Amino acid sequence: LNIVKWLDDLCQKVISQSPSVVIRSCATLATTMSVFRKQLFPIAFLSCWEKLKEDEQLYFSQIVHHVIGTFKSIHPFFIQIIELLDRASLPLKIDRLELAEASHSRPLTLFFLQRLFKKNPKDTTIIEKLLDLNTTMGRNSAAHGMLVHSKGLLEDATTALWSEKLGEWDKAFHLY
């Protein structure tokens, strides 16, 4: 699987098949100018994605999921698409936790975990991953806020451990 060739072919196909006449009219120019093609592709993809049926969206999502699983990381090309679709409230049909775990970019992992947290604010797995990521990124105030939010959700020993990591020694001592 030559991912670069596949992505290049996908770009050209999406631009030439876009439901937007304006985007389709740029197809010839996009074939000769790779920078322009890369800039036009996300909008062309969104225009196509909006018109796809649910089962077609699911099929493409499965292909992307397979590519991510095969390469054990998320290609920047897909990052751009995933973020655009998410912001348009038309996300790929891929579990956000899987995307977070496949991402090698801490800010992108944070993006996915925060989206998950908004949907599942009591999920202790997500809370612990956010605590870990925020402390790793030096975002101690965010981690502290997450710890405050998780009061009563995490076990005392877990809360004590995170309190200790955040330098809240008295709180950790009382929980131990």
Protein backbone atom coordinates (compact mmCIF):
# COMPACT_ATOMS: atom_id res chain seq x y z
CA LEU A 1 0.00 0.00 0.00
CA ASN A 2 1.60 3.22 -1.20
CA ILE A 3 -0.16 5.75 1.02
CA VAL A 4 1.24 8.80 -0.78
CA LYS A 5 -0.02 7.60 -4.18
CA TRP A 6 -3.37 6.58 -2.72
CA LEU A 7 -3.82 10.00 -1.05
CA ASP A 8 -2.81 11.82 -4.24
CA ASP A 9 -5.34 9.81 -6.27
CA LEU A 10 -7.98 10.45 -3.61
CA CYS A 11 -7.33 14.20 -3.76
CA GLN A 12 -7.73 14.32 -7.52
CA LYS A 13 -10.84 12.13 -7.49
CA VAL A 14 -12.55 14.12 -4.72
CA ILE A 15 -11.85 17.46 -6.40
CA SER A 16 -13.02 16.26 -9.82
CA GLN A 17 -16.17 14.63 -8.36
CA SER A 18 -17.15 17.39 -5.92
CA PRO A 19 -20.81 18.39 -6.01
CA SER A 20 -19.60 22.00 -6.10
CA VAL A 21 -19.22 23.38 -9.62
CA VAL A 22 -16.66 25.88 -8.35
CA ILE A 23 -14.45 23.13 -6.90
CA ARG A 24 -14.82 20.91 -9.98
CA SER A 25 -13.79 23.80 -12.20
CA CYS A 26 -10.44 23.86 -10.36
CA ALA A 27 -9.70 20.19 -11.10
CA THR A 28 -7.32 20.83 -14.01
CA LEU A 29 -5.37 23.42 -12.06
CA ALA A 30 -5.27 21.10 -9.03
CA THR A 31 -3.67 18.31 -11.09
CA THR A 32 -0.75 20.53 -12.05
CA MET A 33 -0.26 22.42 -8.77
CA SER A 34 0.20 20.12 -5.78
CA VAL A 35 0.17 22.96 -3.21
CA PHE A 36 -3.15 24.22 -4.56
CA ARG A 37 -4.54 20.65 -4.60
CA LYS A 38 -3.60 20.17 -0.95
CA GLN A 39 -5.29 23.44 -0.01
CA LEU A 40 -8.44 22.71 -2.01
CA PHE A 41 -8.83 19.09 -0.98
CA PRO A 42 -10.30 19.56 2.53
CA ILE A 43 -13.12 21.76 1.25
CA ALA A 44 -13.73 19.43 -1.68
CA PHE A 45 -13.80 16.46 0.70
CA LEU A 46 -16.30 18.20 2.98
CA SER A 47 -18.54 19.00 0.00
CA CYS A 48 -18.53 15.30 -0.95
CA TRP A 49 -18.85 14.02 2.63
CA GLU A 50 -22.01 16.05 3.19
CA LYS A 51 -23.66 14.33 0.22
CA LEU A 52 -22.65 10.76 1.11
CA LYS A 53 -25.20 8.33 2.49
CA GLU A 54 -24.64 6.98 6.00
CA ASP A 55 -23.40 3.61 4.75
CA GLU A 56 -20.94 5.31 2.36
CA GLN A 57 -19.59 7.44 5.21
CA LEU A 58 -19.21 4.31 7.32
CA TYR A 59 -17.37 2.52 4.50
CA PHE A 60 -14.89 5.37 4.02
CA SER A 61 -14.44 5.64 7.79
CA GLN A 62 -13.56 1.94 7.89
CA ILE A 63 -10.92 2.50 5.19
CA VAL A 64 -9.39 5.37 7.17
CA HIS A 65 -9.52 3.25 10.33
CA HIS A 66 -7.67 0.47 8.50
CA VAL A 67 -5.02 2.88 7.21
CA ILE A 68 -4.50 4.33 10.70
CA GLY A 69 -4.25 0.83 12.18
CA THR A 70 -1.83 -0.33 9.48
CA PHE A 71 0.55 2.59 9.87
CA LYS A 72 0.11 2.91 13.66
CA SER A 73 -0.15 6.70 13.35
CA ILE A 74 -2.38 9.30 11.80
CA HIS A 75 -1.05 10.79 8.58
CA PRO A 76 -1.22 14.63 8.61
CA PHE A 77 -3.54 14.38 5.62
CA PHE A 78 -6.13 12.58 7.73
CA ILE A 79 -5.62 14.90 10.69
CA GLN A 80 -6.74 17.79 8.53
CA ILE A 81 -9.83 15.87 7.38
CA ILE A 82 -10.71 14.58 10.83
CA GLU A 83 -10.52 18.06 12.36
CA LEU A 84 -12.49 19.68 9.52
CA LEU A 85 -15.26 17.09 9.68
CA ASP A 86 -15.38 17.31 13.45
CA ARG A 87 -15.73 21.11 13.33
CA ALA A 88 -18.47 20.78 10.73
CA SER A 89 -20.27 18.36 13.11
CA LEU A 90 -19.97 15.61 10.49
CA PRO A 91 -17.25 13.42 12.05
CA LEU A 92 -15.72 10.27 10.63
CA LYS A 93 -17.27 7.13 12.10
CA ILE A 94 -14.13 6.24 14.09
CA ASP A 95 -13.94 5.99 17.87
CA ARG A 96 -12.28 9.14 19.27
CA LEU A 97 -10.37 7.09 21.86
CA GLU A 98 -8.76 5.06 19.07
CA LEU A 99 -7.85 8.29 17.28
CA ALA A 100 -6.38 9.72 20.48
CA GLU A 101 -4.29 6.59 21.03
CA ALA A 102 -3.06 6.56 17.40
CA SER A 103 -2.06 10.22 17.45
CA HIS A 104 1.58 11.06 18.04
CA SER A 105 0.70 14.71 18.51
CA ARG A 106 -0.13 15.65 22.08
CA PRO A 107 -2.33 18.61 21.08
CA LEU A 108 -4.29 16.37 18.71
CA THR A 109 -4.62 13.68 21.38
CA LEU A 110 -5.88 16.38 23.73
CA PHE A 111 -8.38 17.50 21.07
CA PHE A 112 -9.81 13.97 20.72
CA LEU A 113 -9.88 13.32 24.47
CA GLN A 114 -11.63 16.62 25.15
CA ARG A 115 -14.29 15.75 22.56
CA LEU A 116 -14.77 12.40 24.26
CA PHE A 117 -14.92 14.01 27.67
CA LYS A 118 -17.70 16.39 26.54
CA LYS A 119 -19.79 13.37 25.59
CA ASN A 120 -18.79 11.22 28.59
CA PRO A 121 -17.87 13.52 31.51
CA LYS A 122 -18.05 10.66 34.03
CA ASP A 123 -15.89 8.16 32.14
CA THR A 124 -12.96 7.53 34.47
CA THR A 125 -10.75 6.14 31.67
CA ILE A 126 -11.05 9.40 29.75
CA ILE A 127 -10.57 11.44 32.93
CA GLU A 128 -7.36 9.59 33.78
CA LYS A 129 -6.04 9.94 30.23
CA LEU A 130 -6.76 13.68 30.36
CA LEU A 131 -5.07 13.96 33.75
CA ASP A 132 -2.01 12.16 32.43
CA LEU A 133 -1.84 14.15 29.19
CA ASN A 134 -2.37 17.51 30.87
CA THR A 135 0.37 16.85 33.43
CA THR A 136 2.71 15.59 30.70
CA MET A 137 2.07 18.78 28.72
CA GLY A 138 2.71 20.92 31.80
CA ARG A 139 -0.93 21.99 31.93
CA ASN A 140 -1.16 21.52 35.68
CA SER A 141 -4.05 23.94 36.15
CA ALA A 142 -6.09 21.98 33.59
CA ALA A 143 -5.15 18.74 35.35
CA HIS A 144 -6.14 20.28 38.68
CA GLY A 145 -9.51 21.31 37.23
CA MET A 146 -10.00 17.79 35.92
CA LEU A 147 -9.17 16.40 39.36
CA VAL A 148 -11.72 18.71 40.98
CA HIS A 149 -14.31 17.64 38.41
CA SER A 150 -13.59 13.96 39.05
CA LYS A 151 -14.28 14.20 42.77
CA GLY A 152 -16.38 11.18 43.67
CA LEU A 153 -15.73 9.49 40.33
CA LEU A 154 -12.18 8.25 40.91
CA GLU A 155 -11.20 5.99 43.77
CA ASP A 156 -9.51 7.72 46.71
CA ALA A 157 -6.17 6.05 46.02
CA THR A 158 -6.24 7.26 42.41
CA THR A 159 -7.22 10.79 43.46
CA ALA A 160 -4.44 10.74 46.07
CA LEU A 161 -1.90 9.68 43.45
CA TRP A 162 -2.92 12.50 41.10
CA SER A 163 -2.97 15.00 43.96
CA GLU A 164 0.57 13.94 44.76
CA LYS A 165 1.67 14.34 41.14
CA LEU A 166 0.18 17.84 41.13
CA GLY A 167 2.00 18.80 44.33
CA GLU A 168 -1.13 18.86 46.48
CA TRP A 169 0.56 17.05 49.34
CA ASP A 170 -2.01 17.77 52.07
CA LYS A 171 -4.88 16.53 49.94
CA ALA A 172 -2.93 13.38 49.01
CA PHE A 173 -2.02 12.78 52.66
CA HIS A 174 -5.65 13.01 53.78
CA LEU A 175 -6.77 10.61 51.05
CA TYR A 176 -4.08 8.05 51.94
